[in-house]
Amino acid sequence: MNDLLTRSSRPFLLFLLLPSLIVLLLVVLYPFLFNVTISLSNMSMRHFTDWSVIGFRQYIKVFTSGEIWGVFGKTLIWTIVNVVFHVTIGVALALLLNRQLKGRAIIRTLLILPWAVPPVITGLVWRGMFNYEYGDFNLIVTKLLGMSPVNWLGDPVMAFSACILTNIWLGFPFMMVIALGGLQSIPQELYEAAEIDGANSWQRFKHITIPMLKPVMLPAITLGVVWTFNNLNIIWLVTNGGEPSDQSHILVSFVYKAAFQFYRYGFAAALSMVIFGLLAAFSWWFLWRTKAAEGVR
């Protein structure tokens, strides 16, 4: 009877799922397949309406471009430095907030503020703070430290460092919230038993806290890597589109510039597919290597 009921209800269930499937095809699958098609074409401003498929030539341009490899190196530095600081600061603050503190709710709210502010506002505000003449950072450097002002946005290295500082401030609250949730789910009996056995603070952190946080933090780190690798807003807003002299780009801002300022749509689509492949391969490898999907042993 149940089987008959299930069989008879299948068409109705499929009918209910149909709108979701149509929306999924329109907003996910179609743009992805269209991007794949464009990446195999010569579409540009000259061939915007009469573009044609030319095979893998755009991919060959991507891999043979010397400029791309330099941008790829900066993207790796950008991603690694940001994620390391996000996780380190986030976990440290979560450990602090997991203790009994006066005004803990207010402190927690203040620490979440960077995450709540829209990235566009954050980028513009921090760009003003890095201003050579009137920015807060140079006021601190000159008046408090008695040093010469730093050309934050006029030097390629300092401009890239300014972007990293901005993104660290913007990104650590996410890791803090995730780590705090993980810490509050650890049974206190484990710490009490370890303390009775004579374990010190470092041993309790190493053998209880870290293993219990692992299932929570590893997926968050994977997301953090993907988001940071693809973070266009901060680079674009703080350096005003890769200034000085396009020396502050990461891959995703390079794609944006190629597509919407140089109108090299085919090249930009091919590079975006390479970025997609890199992130998909990394995510699969990282989750498999760290066994993040498995439970705590």
C-alpha atoms as a PDB file:
ATOM      1  CA  MET A   1       0.000   0.000   0.000  1.00  0.00           C
ATOM      2  CA  ASN A   2       2.796   2.361   0.919  1.00  0.00           C
ATOM      3  CA  ASP A   3       4.616   1.467  -2.325  1.00  0.00           C
ATOM      4  CA  LEU A   4       1.471   2.175  -4.334  1.00  0.00           C
ATOM      5  CA  LEU A   5       1.032   5.456  -2.504  1.00  0.00           C
ATOM      6  CA  THR A   6       4.654   6.375  -3.152  1.00  0.00           C
ATOM      7  CA  ARG A   7       4.419   5.532  -6.857  1.00  0.00           C
ATOM      8  CA  SER A   8       1.196   7.471  -7.255  1.00  0.00           C
ATOM      9  CA  SER A   9       2.614  10.503  -5.464  1.00  0.00           C
ATOM     10  CA  ARG A  10       5.841  10.698  -7.520  1.00  0.00           C
ATOM     11  CA  PRO A  11       4.363  12.796 -10.370  1.00  0.00           C
ATOM     12  CA  PHE A  12       2.961  15.244  -7.832  1.00  0.00           C
ATOM     13  CA  LEU A  13       6.308  15.475  -6.026  1.00  0.00           C
ATOM     14  CA  LEU A  14       8.081  16.076  -9.333  1.00  0.00           C
ATOM     15  CA  PHE A  15       5.522  18.754 -10.144  1.00  0.00           C
ATOM     16  CA  LEU A  16       6.311  20.489  -6.836  1.00  0.00           C
ATOM     17  CA  LEU A  17      10.042  20.296  -7.531  1.00  0.00           C
ATOM     18  CA  LEU A  18       9.722  21.586 -11.091  1.00  0.00           C
ATOM     19  CA  PRO A  19       9.816  25.362 -10.293  1.00  0.00           C
ATOM     20  CA  SER A  20      12.962  24.895  -8.178  1.00  0.00           C
ATOM     21  CA  LEU A  21      14.620  22.870 -10.923  1.00  0.00           C
ATOM     22  CA  ILE A  22      13.777  25.501 -13.542  1.00  0.00           C
ATOM     23  CA  VAL A  23      15.185  28.303 -11.361  1.00  0.00           C
ATOM     24  CA  LEU A  24      18.293  26.209 -10.665  1.00  0.00           C
ATOM     25  CA  LEU A  25      18.854  25.646 -14.383  1.00  0.00           C
ATOM     26  CA  LEU A  26      18.378  29.337 -15.195  1.00  0.00           C
ATOM     27  CA  VAL A  27      20.546  30.886 -12.455  1.00  0.00           C
ATOM     28  CA  VAL A  28      23.270  28.237 -12.052  1.00  0.00           C
ATOM     29  CA  LEU A  29      23.625  25.795 -14.907  1.00  0.00           C
ATOM     30  CA  TYR A  30      22.891  28.112 -17.860  1.00  0.00           C
ATOM     31  CA  PRO A  31      25.367  30.885 -16.790  1.00  0.00           C
ATOM     32  CA  PHE A  32      28.031  28.251 -16.122  1.00  0.00           C
ATOM     33  CA  LEU A  33      27.595  26.590 -19.524  1.00  0.00           C
ATOM     34  CA  PHE A  34      27.445  29.999 -21.239  1.00  0.00           C
ATOM     35  CA  ASN A  35      30.721  30.982 -19.547  1.00  0.00           C
ATOM     36  CA  VAL A  36      32.310  27.720 -20.742  1.00  0.00           C
ATOM     37  CA  THR A  37      31.153  28.512 -24.287  1.00  0.00           C
ATOM     38  CA  ILE A  38      32.505  32.079 -24.127  1.00  0.00           C
ATOM     39  CA  SER A  39      35.833  30.787 -22.845  1.00  0.00           C
ATOM     40  CA  LEU A  40      36.157  28.775 -26.067  1.00  0.00           C
ATOM     41  CA  SER A  41      35.321  31.766 -28.265  1.00  0.00           C
ATOM     42  CA  ASN A  42      36.908  34.959 -29.587  1.00  0.00           C
ATOM     43  CA  MET A  43      34.279  37.239 -28.033  1.00  0.00           C
ATOM     44  CA  SER A  44      35.561  40.768 -27.461  1.00  0.00           C
ATOM     45  CA  MET A  45      34.458  44.312 -28.212  1.00  0.00           C
ATOM     46  CA  ARG A  46      35.312  43.761 -31.905  1.00  0.00           C
ATOM     47  CA  HIS A  47      33.506  40.430 -32.033  1.00  0.00           C
ATOM     48  CA  PHE A  48      30.668  41.086 -29.623  1.00  0.00           C
ATOM     49  CA  THR A  49      27.869  40.053 -31.998  1.00  0.00           C
ATOM     50  CA  ASP A  50      29.752  37.914 -34.535  1.00  0.00           C
ATOM     51  CA  TRP A  51      31.863  35.840 -32.143  1.00  0.00           C
ATOM     52  CA  SER A  52      32.735  32.258 -32.983  1.00  0.00           C
ATOM     53  CA  VAL A  53      34.155  29.229 -31.207  1.00  0.00           C
ATOM     54  CA  ILE A  54      37.947  29.018 -31.633  1.00  0.00           C
ATOM     55  CA  GLY A  55      38.789  26.080 -29.373  1.00  0.00           C
ATOM     56  CA  PHE A  56      41.308  26.366 -26.554  1.00  0.00           C
ATOM     57  CA  ARG A  57      43.220  29.421 -27.817  1.00  0.00           C
ATOM     58  CA  GLN A  58      42.083  31.595 -24.905  1.00  0.00           C
ATOM     59  CA  TYR A  59      43.289  28.969 -22.432  1.00  0.00           C
ATOM     60  CA  ILE A  60      46.652  28.873 -24.221  1.00  0.00           C
ATOM     61  CA  LYS A  61      46.866  32.676 -23.862  1.00  0.00           C
ATOM     62  CA  VAL A  62      46.139  32.350 -20.155  1.00  0.00           C
ATOM     63  CA  PHE A  63      48.863  29.784 -19.502  1.00  0.00           C
ATOM     64  CA  THR A  64      51.464  31.459 -21.741  1.00  0.00           C
ATOM     65  CA  SER A  65      50.981  34.946 -20.296  1.00  0.00           C
ATOM     66  CA  GLY A  66      53.909  35.883 -18.088  1.00  0.00           C
ATOM     67  CA  GLU A  67      51.804  38.517 -16.338  1.00  0.00           C
ATOM     68  CA  ILE A  68      49.290  35.917 -15.164  1.00  0.00           C
ATOM     69  CA  TRP A  69      51.892  33.931 -13.230  1.00  0.00           C
ATOM     70  CA  GLY A  70      52.974  37.024 -11.289  1.00  0.00           C
ATOM     71  CA  VAL A  71      49.350  37.784 -10.412  1.00  0.00           C
ATOM     72  CA  PHE A  72      48.847  34.130  -9.457  1.00  0.00           C
ATOM     73  CA  GLY A  73      51.789  34.356  -7.036  1.00  0.00           C
ATOM     74  CA  LYS A  74      50.314  37.461  -5.413  1.00  0.00           C
ATOM     75  CA  THR A  75      46.951  35.721  -5.185  1.00  0.00           C
ATOM     76  CA  LEU A  76      48.537  32.833  -3.273  1.00  0.00           C
ATOM     77  CA  ILE A  77      50.249  35.267  -0.860  1.00  0.00           C
ATOM     78  CA  TRP A  78      47.004  37.194  -0.465  1.00  0.00           C
ATOM     79  CA  THR A  79      45.002  34.049   0.290  1.00  0.00           C
ATOM     80  CA  ILE A  80      47.489  32.351   2.630  1.00  0.00           C
ATOM     81  CA  VAL A  81      48.289  35.456   4.715  1.00  0.00           C
ATOM     82  CA  ASN A  82      44.642  36.431   5.063  1.00  0.00           C
ATOM     83  CA  VAL A  83      43.364  32.979   5.992  1.00  0.00           C
ATOM     84  CA  VAL A  84      46.193  32.373   8.489  1.00  0.00           C
ATOM     85  CA  PHE A  85      45.432  35.657  10.272  1.00  0.00           C
ATOM     86  CA  HIS A  86      41.666  35.101  10.067  1.00  0.00           C
ATOM     87  CA  VAL A  87      41.952  31.697  11.735  1.00  0.00           C
ATOM     88  CA  THR A  88      44.586  32.694  14.292  1.00  0.00           C
ATOM     89  CA  ILE A  89      42.848  35.879  15.424  1.00  0.00           C
ATOM     90  CA  GLY A  90      39.402  34.279  15.232  1.00  0.00           C
ATOM     91  CA  VAL A  91      40.300  31.250  17.363  1.00  0.00           C
ATOM     92  CA  ALA A  92      42.236  33.372  19.883  1.00  0.00           C
ATOM     93  CA  LEU A  93      39.291  35.729  20.368  1.00  0.00           C
ATOM     94  CA  ALA A  94      36.868  32.801  20.548  1.00  0.00           C
ATOM     95  CA  LEU A  95      38.955  31.254  23.349  1.00  0.00           C
ATOM     96  CA  LEU A  96      38.864  34.603  25.148  1.00  0.00           C
ATOM     97  CA  LEU A  97      35.108  35.033  24.715  1.00  0.00           C
ATOM     98  CA  ASN A  98      34.467  31.473  25.868  1.00  0.00           C
ATOM     99  CA  ARG A  99      35.654  32.473  29.336  1.00  0.00           C
ATOM    100  CA  GLN A 100      33.684  34.327  31.985  1.00  0.00           C
ATOM    101  CA  LEU A 101      34.227  38.009  31.191  1.00  0.00           C
ATOM    102  CA  LYS A 102      32.504  41.177  32.300  1.00  0.00           C
ATOM    103  CA  GLY A 103      30.664  42.750  29.378  1.00  0.00           C
ATOM    104  CA  ARG A 104      31.183  39.671  27.204  1.00  0.00           C
ATOM    105  CA  ALA A 105      28.010  40.340  25.193  1.00  0.00           C
ATOM    106  CA  ILE A 106      29.130  43.896  24.368  1.00  0.00           C
ATOM    107  CA  ILE A 107      32.640  42.758  23.438  1.00  0.00           C
ATOM    108  CA  ARG A 108      31.226  40.011  21.225  1.00  0.00           C
ATOM    109  CA  THR A 109      28.941  42.501  19.471  1.00  0.00           C
ATOM    110  CA  LEU A 110      31.807  44.951  18.874  1.00  0.00           C
ATOM    111  CA  LEU A 111      34.015  42.187  17.454  1.00  0.00           C
ATOM    112  CA  ILE A 112      31.304  41.130  15.012  1.00  0.00           C
ATOM    113  CA  LEU A 113      30.897  44.689  13.687  1.00  0.00           C
ATOM    114  CA  PRO A 114      33.571  44.361  10.934  1.00  0.00           C
ATOM    115  CA  TRP A 115      31.666  41.398   9.523  1.00  0.00           C
ATOM    116  CA  ALA A 116      28.351  43.303   9.637  1.00  0.00           C
ATOM    117  CA  VAL A 117      29.636  46.333   7.723  1.00  0.00           C
ATOM    118  CA  PRO A 118      29.192  46.008   3.929  1.00  0.00           C
ATOM    119  CA  PRO A 119      32.550  45.330   2.217  1.00  0.00           C
ATOM    120  CA  VAL A 120      32.037  48.326  -0.079  1.00  0.00           C
ATOM    121  CA  ILE A 121      31.851  50.682   2.905  1.00  0.00           C
ATOM    122  CA  THR A 122      34.813  48.953   4.535  1.00  0.00           C
ATOM    123  CA  GLY A 123      36.939  49.313   1.396  1.00  0.00           C
ATOM    124  CA  LEU A 124      36.182  53.006   0.949  1.00  0.00           C
ATOM    125  CA  VAL A 125      36.686  53.852   4.633  1.00  0.00           C
ATOM    126  CA  TRP A 126      40.011  52.027   4.810  1.00  0.00           C
ATOM    127  CA  ARG A 127      41.125  53.654   1.555  1.00  0.00           C
ATOM    128  CA  GLY A 128      40.586  57.009   3.257  1.00  0.00           C
ATOM    129  CA  MET A 129      42.517  55.823   6.319  1.00  0.00           C
ATOM    130  CA  PHE A 130      45.487  54.995   4.065  1.00  0.00           C
ATOM    131  CA  ASN A 131      45.492  58.467   2.460  1.00  0.00           C
ATOM    132  CA  TYR A 132      49.024  59.875   2.282  1.00  0.00           C
ATOM    133  CA  GLU A 133      48.203  63.342   3.655  1.00  0.00           C
ATOM    134  CA  TYR A 134      45.113  62.976   5.800  1.00  0.00           C
ATOM    135  CA  GLY A 135      44.809  59.249   6.557  1.00  0.00           C
ATOM    136  CA  ASP A 136      44.721  57.985  10.131  1.00  0.00           C
ATOM    137  CA  PHE A 137      47.622  55.597   9.625  1.00  0.00           C
ATOM    138  CA  ASN A 138      50.006  58.327   8.534  1.00  0.00           C
ATOM    139  CA  LEU A 139      48.820  60.563  11.386  1.00  0.00           C
ATOM    140  CA  ILE A 140      49.822  57.782  13.784  1.00  0.00           C
ATOM    141  CA  VAL A 141      53.112  57.211  11.982  1.00  0.00           C
ATOM    142  CA  THR A 142      54.107  60.897  11.897  1.00  0.00           C
ATOM    143  CA  LYS A 143      52.684  62.338  15.117  1.00  0.00           C
ATOM    144  CA  LEU A 144      52.884  59.403  17.522  1.00  0.00           C
ATOM    145  CA  LEU A 145      55.907  57.546  16.166  1.00  0.00           C
ATOM    146  CA  GLY A 146      57.777  60.553  14.745  1.00  0.00           C
ATOM    147  CA  MET A 147      58.473  58.773  11.441  1.00  0.00           C
ATOM    148  CA  SER A 148      58.089  59.850   7.818  1.00  0.00           C
ATOM    149  CA  PRO A 149      54.680  59.310   6.241  1.00  0.00           C
ATOM    150  CA  VAL A 150      54.213  56.045   4.346  1.00  0.00           C
ATOM    151  CA  ASN A 151      53.049  56.124   0.747  1.00  0.00           C
ATOM    152  CA  TRP A 152      50.468  53.399   1.375  1.00  0.00           C
ATOM    153  CA  LEU A 153      48.621  53.580  -1.932  1.00  0.00           C
ATOM    154  CA  GLY A 154      51.437  54.850  -4.162  1.00  0.00           C
ATOM    155  CA  ASP A 155      53.859  51.971  -3.681  1.00  0.00           C
ATOM    156  CA  PRO A 156      52.938  48.503  -5.054  1.00  0.00           C
ATOM    157  CA  VAL A 157      54.109  46.575  -1.986  1.00  0.00           C
ATOM    158  CA  MET A 158      52.495  48.963   0.498  1.00  0.00           C
ATOM    159  CA  ALA A 159      49.250  49.076  -1.513  1.00  0.00           C
ATOM    160  CA  PHE A 160      49.075  45.281  -1.484  1.00  0.00           C
ATOM    161  CA  SER A 161      49.859  45.275   2.255  1.00  0.00           C
ATOM    162  CA  ALA A 162      47.083  47.838   2.830  1.00  0.00           C
ATOM    163  CA  CYS A 163      44.614  45.501   1.107  1.00  0.00           C
ATOM    164  CA  ILE A 164      45.745  42.596   3.289  1.00  0.00           C
ATOM    165  CA  LEU A 165      45.352  44.655   6.479  1.00  0.00           C
ATOM    166  CA  THR A 166      41.866  45.697   5.418  1.00  0.00           C
ATOM    167  CA  ASN A 167      40.780  42.172   4.599  1.00  0.00           C
ATOM    168  CA  ILE A 168      42.184  40.757   7.852  1.00  0.00           C
ATOM    169  CA  TRP A 169      40.050  43.256   9.764  1.00  0.00           C
ATOM    170  CA  LEU A 170      37.046  42.328   7.646  1.00  0.00           C
ATOM    171  CA  GLY A 171      37.397  38.547   7.819  1.00  0.00           C
ATOM    172  CA  PHE A 172      38.376  37.452  11.334  1.00  0.00           C
ATOM    173  CA  PRO A 173      34.845  37.764  12.865  1.00  0.00           C
ATOM    174  CA  PHE A 174      33.557  34.902  10.691  1.00  0.00           C
ATOM    175  CA  MET A 175      36.218  32.536  12.017  1.00  0.00           C
ATOM    176  CA  MET A 176      35.636  33.830  15.545  1.00  0.00           C
ATOM    177  CA  VAL A 177      31.909  33.059  15.407  1.00  0.00           C
ATOM    178  CA  ILE A 178      32.501  29.585  13.973  1.00  0.00           C
ATOM    179  CA  ALA A 179      35.201  28.764  16.539  1.00  0.00           C
ATOM    180  CA  LEU A 180      33.098  30.114  19.418  1.00  0.00           C
ATOM    181  CA  GLY A 181      30.191  27.890  18.400  1.00  0.00           C
ATOM    182  CA  GLY A 182      32.541  24.908  18.273  1.00  0.00           C
ATOM    183  CA  LEU A 183      34.032  25.703  21.695  1.00  0.00           C
ATOM    184  CA  GLN A 184      30.632  25.974  23.334  1.00  0.00           C
ATOM    185  CA  SER A 185      29.684  22.519  22.045  1.00  0.00           C
ATOM    186  CA  ILE A 186      32.653  20.819  23.777  1.00  0.00           C
ATOM    187  CA  PRO A 187      31.490  19.035  26.974  1.00  0.00           C
ATOM    188  CA  GLN A 188      33.102  20.568  30.051  1.00  0.00           C
ATOM    189  CA  GLU A 189      33.371  17.071  31.558  1.00  0.00           C
ATOM    190  CA  LEU A 190      36.251  16.356  29.172  1.00  0.00           C
ATOM    191  CA  TYR A 191      38.256  19.285  30.555  1.00  0.00           C
ATOM    192  CA  GLU A 192      37.399  18.330  34.163  1.00  0.00           C
ATOM    193  CA  ALA A 193      38.501  14.725  33.582  1.00  0.00           C
ATOM    194  CA  ALA A 194      41.734  15.862  31.919  1.00  0.00           C
ATOM    195  CA  GLU A 195      42.425  18.258  34.797  1.00  0.00           C
ATOM    196  CA  ILE A 196      41.933  15.451  37.321  1.00  0.00           C
ATOM    197  CA  ASP A 197      44.434  13.376  35.310  1.00  0.00           C
ATOM    198  CA  GLY A 198      46.957  16.185  35.668  1.00  0.00           C
ATOM    199  CA  ALA A 199      46.822  17.684  32.145  1.00  0.00           C
ATOM    200  CA  ASN A 200      47.983  21.300  31.971  1.00  0.00           C
ATOM    201  CA  SER A 201      46.367  24.053  29.881  1.00  0.00           C
ATOM    202  CA  TRP A 202      48.454  23.374  26.762  1.00  0.00           C
ATOM    203  CA  GLN A 203      47.768  19.612  26.916  1.00  0.00           C
ATOM    204  CA  ARG A 204      44.030  20.234  27.288  1.00  0.00           C
ATOM    205  CA  PHE A 205      44.115  22.616  24.314  1.00  0.00           C
ATOM    206  CA  LYS A 206      46.153  20.191  22.202  1.00  0.00           C
ATOM    207  CA  HIS A 207      44.307  16.973  22.990  1.00  0.00           C
ATOM    208  CA  ILE A 208      40.736  18.239  23.535  1.00  0.00           C
ATOM    209  CA  THR A 209      40.149  21.672  22.034  1.00  0.00           C
ATOM    210  CA  ILE A 210      41.945  21.241  18.713  1.00  0.00           C
ATOM    211  CA  PRO A 211      40.475  17.784  17.856  1.00  0.00           C
ATOM    212  CA  MET A 212      36.969  18.908  18.855  1.00  0.00           C
ATOM    213  CA  LEU A 213      37.244  22.109  16.797  1.00  0.00           C
ATOM    214  CA  LYS A 214      38.569  20.303  13.736  1.00  0.00           C
ATOM    215  CA  PRO A 215      35.182  19.228  12.244  1.00  0.00           C
ATOM    216  CA  VAL A 216      33.916  22.799  12.625  1.00  0.00           C
ATOM    217  CA  MET A 217      36.963  24.754  11.506  1.00  0.00           C
ATOM    218  CA  LEU A 218      38.089  22.747   8.471  1.00  0.00           C
ATOM    219  CA  PRO A 219      34.949  23.429   6.363  1.00  0.00           C
ATOM    220  CA  ALA A 220      35.108  27.069   7.532  1.00  0.00           C
ATOM    221  CA  ILE A 221      38.749  27.297   6.429  1.00  0.00           C
ATOM    222  CA  THR A 222      37.801  25.817   3.047  1.00  0.00           C
ATOM    223  CA  LEU A 223      35.109  28.472   2.642  1.00  0.00           C
ATOM    224  CA  GLY A 224      37.538  31.132   3.835  1.00  0.00           C
ATOM    225  CA  VAL A 225      40.086  30.143   1.188  1.00  0.00           C
ATOM    226  CA  VAL A 226      37.466  30.233  -1.590  1.00  0.00           C
ATOM    227  CA  TRP A 227      36.029  33.570  -0.456  1.00  0.00           C
ATOM    228  CA  THR A 228      39.435  35.194   0.011  1.00  0.00           C
ATOM    229  CA  PHE A 229      40.754  33.891  -3.323  1.00  0.00           C
ATOM    230  CA  ASN A 230      37.682  35.424  -5.008  1.00  0.00           C
ATOM    231  CA  ASN A 231      37.541  38.647  -2.984  1.00  0.00           C
ATOM    232  CA  LEU A 232      37.306  41.382  -5.579  1.00  0.00           C
ATOM    233  CA  ASN A 233      35.827  44.172  -3.443  1.00  0.00           C
ATOM    234  CA  ILE A 234      38.737  44.997  -1.170  1.00  0.00           C
ATOM    235  CA  ILE A 235      41.435  44.897  -3.851  1.00  0.00           C
ATOM    236  CA  TRP A 236      39.375  46.994  -6.236  1.00  0.00           C
ATOM    237  CA  LEU A 237      38.170  49.607  -3.739  1.00  0.00           C
ATOM    238  CA  VAL A 238      41.292  50.108  -1.640  1.00  0.00           C
ATOM    239  CA  THR A 239      43.685  50.320  -4.615  1.00  0.00           C
ATOM    240  CA  ASN A 240      41.169  51.997  -6.949  1.00  0.00           C
ATOM    241  CA  GLY A 241      41.280  49.158  -9.494  1.00  0.00           C
ATOM    242  CA  GLY A 242      44.779  47.753  -9.000  1.00  0.00           C
ATOM    243  CA  GLU A 243      46.804  50.974  -8.672  1.00  0.00           C
ATOM    244  CA  PRO A 244      49.613  51.816  -8.797  1.00  0.00           C
ATOM    245  CA  SER A 245      50.162  50.741 -12.405  1.00  0.00           C
ATOM    246  CA  ASP A 246      48.070  47.566 -12.095  1.00  0.00           C
ATOM    247  CA  GLN A 247      50.577  46.134  -9.600  1.00  0.00           C
ATOM    248  CA  SER A 248      48.034  45.257  -6.902  1.00  0.00           C
ATOM    249  CA  HIS A 249      45.870  42.789  -8.775  1.00  0.00           C
ATOM    250  CA  ILE A 250      44.912  39.294  -7.741  1.00  0.00           C
ATOM    251  CA  LEU A 251      43.449  36.868 -10.276  1.00  0.00           C
ATOM    252  CA  VAL A 252      39.809  37.773  -9.784  1.00  0.00           C
ATOM    253  CA  SER A 253      40.416  41.541 -10.093  1.00  0.00           C
ATOM    254  CA  PHE A 254      42.552  40.807 -13.173  1.00  0.00           C
ATOM    255  CA  VAL A 255      39.577  38.940 -14.663  1.00  0.00           C
ATOM    256  CA  TYR A 256      37.274  41.868 -13.892  1.00  0.00           C
ATOM    257  CA  LYS A 257      39.631  44.337 -15.555  1.00  0.00           C
ATOM    258  CA  ALA A 258      40.066  42.114 -18.616  1.00  0.00           C
ATOM    259  CA  ALA A 259      36.304  41.709 -19.031  1.00  0.00           C
ATOM    260  CA  PHE A 260      34.881  45.127 -18.179  1.00  0.00           C
ATOM    261  CA  GLN A 261      37.696  47.568 -18.987  1.00  0.00           C
ATOM    262  CA  PHE A 262      39.518  45.833 -21.855  1.00  0.00           C
ATOM    263  CA  TYR A 263      36.424  43.913 -23.082  1.00  0.00           C
ATOM    264  CA  ARG A 264      38.393  40.684 -23.597  1.00  0.00           C
ATOM    265  CA  TYR A 265      35.395  38.516 -22.772  1.00  0.00           C
ATOM    266  CA  GLY A 266      36.771  35.254 -24.138  1.00  0.00           C
ATOM    267  CA  PHE A 267      40.083  35.632 -22.310  1.00  0.00           C
ATOM    268  CA  ALA A 268      38.356  36.644 -19.063  1.00  0.00           C
ATOM    269  CA  ALA A 269      35.966  33.689 -19.292  1.00  0.00           C
ATOM    270  CA  ALA A 270      38.871  31.279 -19.844  1.00  0.00           C
ATOM    271  CA  LEU A 271      40.755  32.688 -16.858  1.00  0.00           C
ATOM    272  CA  SER A 272      37.631  32.474 -14.704  1.00  0.00           C
ATOM    273  CA  MET A 273      37.290  28.788 -15.635  1.00  0.00           C
ATOM    274  CA  VAL A 274      40.922  28.222 -14.611  1.00  0.00           C
ATOM    275  CA  ILE A 275      40.174  29.895 -11.248  1.00  0.00           C
ATOM    276  CA  PHE A 276      37.097  27.685 -10.863  1.00  0.00           C
ATOM    277  CA  GLY A 277      39.178  24.575 -11.576  1.00  0.00           C
ATOM    278  CA  LEU A 278      41.867  25.610  -9.078  1.00  0.00           C
ATOM    279  CA  LEU A 279      39.382  26.242  -6.285  1.00  0.00           C
ATOM    280  CA  ALA A 280      37.371  23.095  -6.983  1.00  0.00           C
ATOM    281  CA  ALA A 281      40.535  20.965  -6.969  1.00  0.00           C
ATOM    282  CA  PHE A 282      41.819  22.618  -3.789  1.00  0.00           C
ATOM    283  CA  SER A 283      38.486  22.216  -1.968  1.00  0.00           C
ATOM    284  CA  TRP A 284      38.257  18.538  -2.853  1.00  0.00           C
ATOM    285  CA  TRP A 285      41.902  17.884  -1.958  1.00  0.00           C
ATOM    286  CA  PHE A 286      41.778  19.816   1.332  1.00  0.00           C
ATOM    287  CA  LEU A 287      38.590  18.169   2.563  1.00  0.00           C
ATOM    288  CA  TRP A 288      39.856  14.734   1.518  1.00  0.00           C
ATOM    289  CA  ARG A 289      43.335  15.232   2.969  1.00  0.00           C
ATOM    290  CA  THR A 290      42.114  16.576   6.304  1.00  0.00           C
ATOM    291  CA  LYS A 291      39.195  14.110   6.455  1.00  0.00           C
ATOM    292  CA  ALA A 292      36.959  17.001   7.402  1.00  0.00           C
ATOM    293  CA  ALA A 293      33.827  15.024   6.596  1.00  0.00           C
ATOM    294  CA  GLU A 294      34.638  12.410   9.187  1.00  0.00           C
ATOM    295  CA  GLY A 295      33.589  12.684  12.809  1.00  0.00           C
ATOM    296  CA  VAL A 296      35.959  13.156  15.739  1.00  0.00           C
ATOM    297  CA  ARG A 297      37.651   9.908  16.649  1.00  0.00           C
END
